[in-house]
Amino acid sequence: MTRRARRSWVPLVFVVLAGGVLGHVLAEAASAFSPLSFLARSVEPGLDPALHVDLGLVTFTLGFTVRLNLAVLLGVLFAVWLWRWV
């Protein structure tokens, strides 16, 4: 029985990010067309407003927001599908 070599997870992270960026670009382009505008409706979970801690000597600010929509999800799924078959 042959074993398949394990791939590194670092390139997969870049593939998923590239799929998300591609999906975001497609969502922005689709938002201009009325029949495809549902692809651009997004949900933005995250820390808003950012968490701010002032200790006098040091100040920390922590915040993030993830903008998700259907086109981003489709872009990520397509990128992972390509990654699996390449």
Protein backbone atom coordinates (compact mmCIF):
# COMPACT_ATOMS: atom_id res chain seq x y z
CA MET A 1 0.00 0.00 0.00
CA THR A 2 1.43 3.37 -0.97
CA ARG A 3 1.27 6.39 1.27
CA ARG A 4 0.57 9.79 -0.07
CA ALA A 5 3.14 12.39 0.91
CA ARG A 6 1.85 15.01 3.31
CA ARG A 7 1.90 18.56 2.02
CA SER A 8 2.91 21.52 4.07
CA TRP A 9 0.04 23.64 5.42
CA VAL A 10 1.78 26.96 4.67
CA PRO A 11 1.03 26.93 0.91
CA LEU A 12 -2.56 25.94 1.71
CA VAL A 13 -2.95 29.08 3.84
CA PHE A 14 -1.78 31.18 0.91
CA VAL A 15 -4.16 29.35 -1.45
CA VAL A 16 -7.10 29.98 0.90
CA LEU A 17 -6.15 33.67 1.25
CA ALA A 18 -5.81 34.01 -2.53
CA GLY A 19 -9.25 32.40 -2.97
CA GLY A 20 -10.71 34.84 -0.46
CA VAL A 21 -9.17 37.83 -2.22
CA LEU A 22 -10.40 36.58 -5.59
CA GLY A 23 -13.89 36.09 -4.14
CA HIS A 24 -13.84 39.60 -2.67
CA VAL A 25 -12.87 41.10 -6.03
CA LEU A 26 -15.68 39.17 -7.71
CA ALA A 27 -18.14 40.33 -5.03
CA GLU A 28 -17.20 43.96 -5.59
CA ALA A 29 -17.63 43.54 -9.34
CA ALA A 30 -20.94 41.67 -8.92
CA SER A 31 -22.38 44.32 -6.61
CA ALA A 32 -22.72 46.67 -9.57
CA PHE A 33 -25.14 44.26 -11.29
CA SER A 34 -28.56 43.97 -9.72
CA PRO A 35 -29.14 40.24 -10.41
CA LEU A 36 -25.78 39.33 -8.81
CA SER A 37 -25.87 41.74 -5.89
CA PHE A 38 -26.73 38.91 -3.46
CA LEU A 39 -23.10 37.73 -3.80
CA ALA A 40 -21.88 40.96 -2.21
CA ARG A 41 -24.07 41.00 0.92
CA SER A 42 -21.64 40.54 3.75
CA VAL A 43 -21.46 39.73 7.43
CA GLU A 44 -18.67 41.33 9.49
CA PRO A 45 -17.94 39.47 12.73
CA GLY A 46 -15.07 40.71 14.89
CA LEU A 47 -14.04 43.14 17.59
CA ASP A 48 -15.61 46.47 16.78
CA PRO A 49 -14.69 48.81 18.39
CA ALA A 50 -11.17 47.59 19.02
CA LEU A 51 -10.08 46.57 22.50
CA HIS A 52 -7.90 49.34 23.94
CA VAL A 53 -5.76 48.88 27.07
CA ASP A 54 -3.76 51.82 28.42
CA LEU A 55 -1.30 50.82 31.15
CA GLY A 56 0.37 54.21 31.37
CA LEU A 57 3.73 53.04 30.10
CA VAL A 58 2.44 50.82 27.31
CA THR A 59 -0.76 51.01 25.28
CA PHE A 60 -2.24 47.98 23.54
CA THR A 61 -4.88 48.04 20.83
CA LEU A 62 -6.36 44.79 19.57
CA GLY A 63 -9.05 44.55 16.95
CA PHE A 64 -10.02 42.59 13.89
CA THR A 65 -12.92 42.25 11.52
CA VAL A 66 -13.59 39.47 9.03
CA ARG A 67 -15.77 40.42 6.07
CA LEU A 68 -17.53 37.33 4.75
CA ASN A 69 -19.90 37.01 1.84
CA LEU A 70 -21.04 34.30 -0.54
CA ALA A 71 -18.51 35.19 -3.24
CA VAL A 72 -15.61 34.94 -0.75
CA LEU A 73 -16.87 31.55 0.40
CA LEU A 74 -17.13 30.35 -3.21
CA GLY A 75 -13.63 31.67 -3.96
CA VAL A 76 -12.16 29.84 -0.96
CA LEU A 77 -13.97 26.60 -1.83
CA PHE A 78 -12.77 26.85 -5.44
CA ALA A 79 -9.18 27.48 -4.31
CA VAL A 80 -9.24 24.49 -1.94
CA TRP A 81 -10.75 22.35 -4.70
CA LEU A 82 -7.93 23.37 -7.05
CA TRP A 83 -5.38 22.73 -4.30
CA ARG A 84 -6.74 19.23 -3.79
CA TRP A 85 -6.57 18.27 -7.46
CA VAL A 86 -3.25 19.90 -8.39
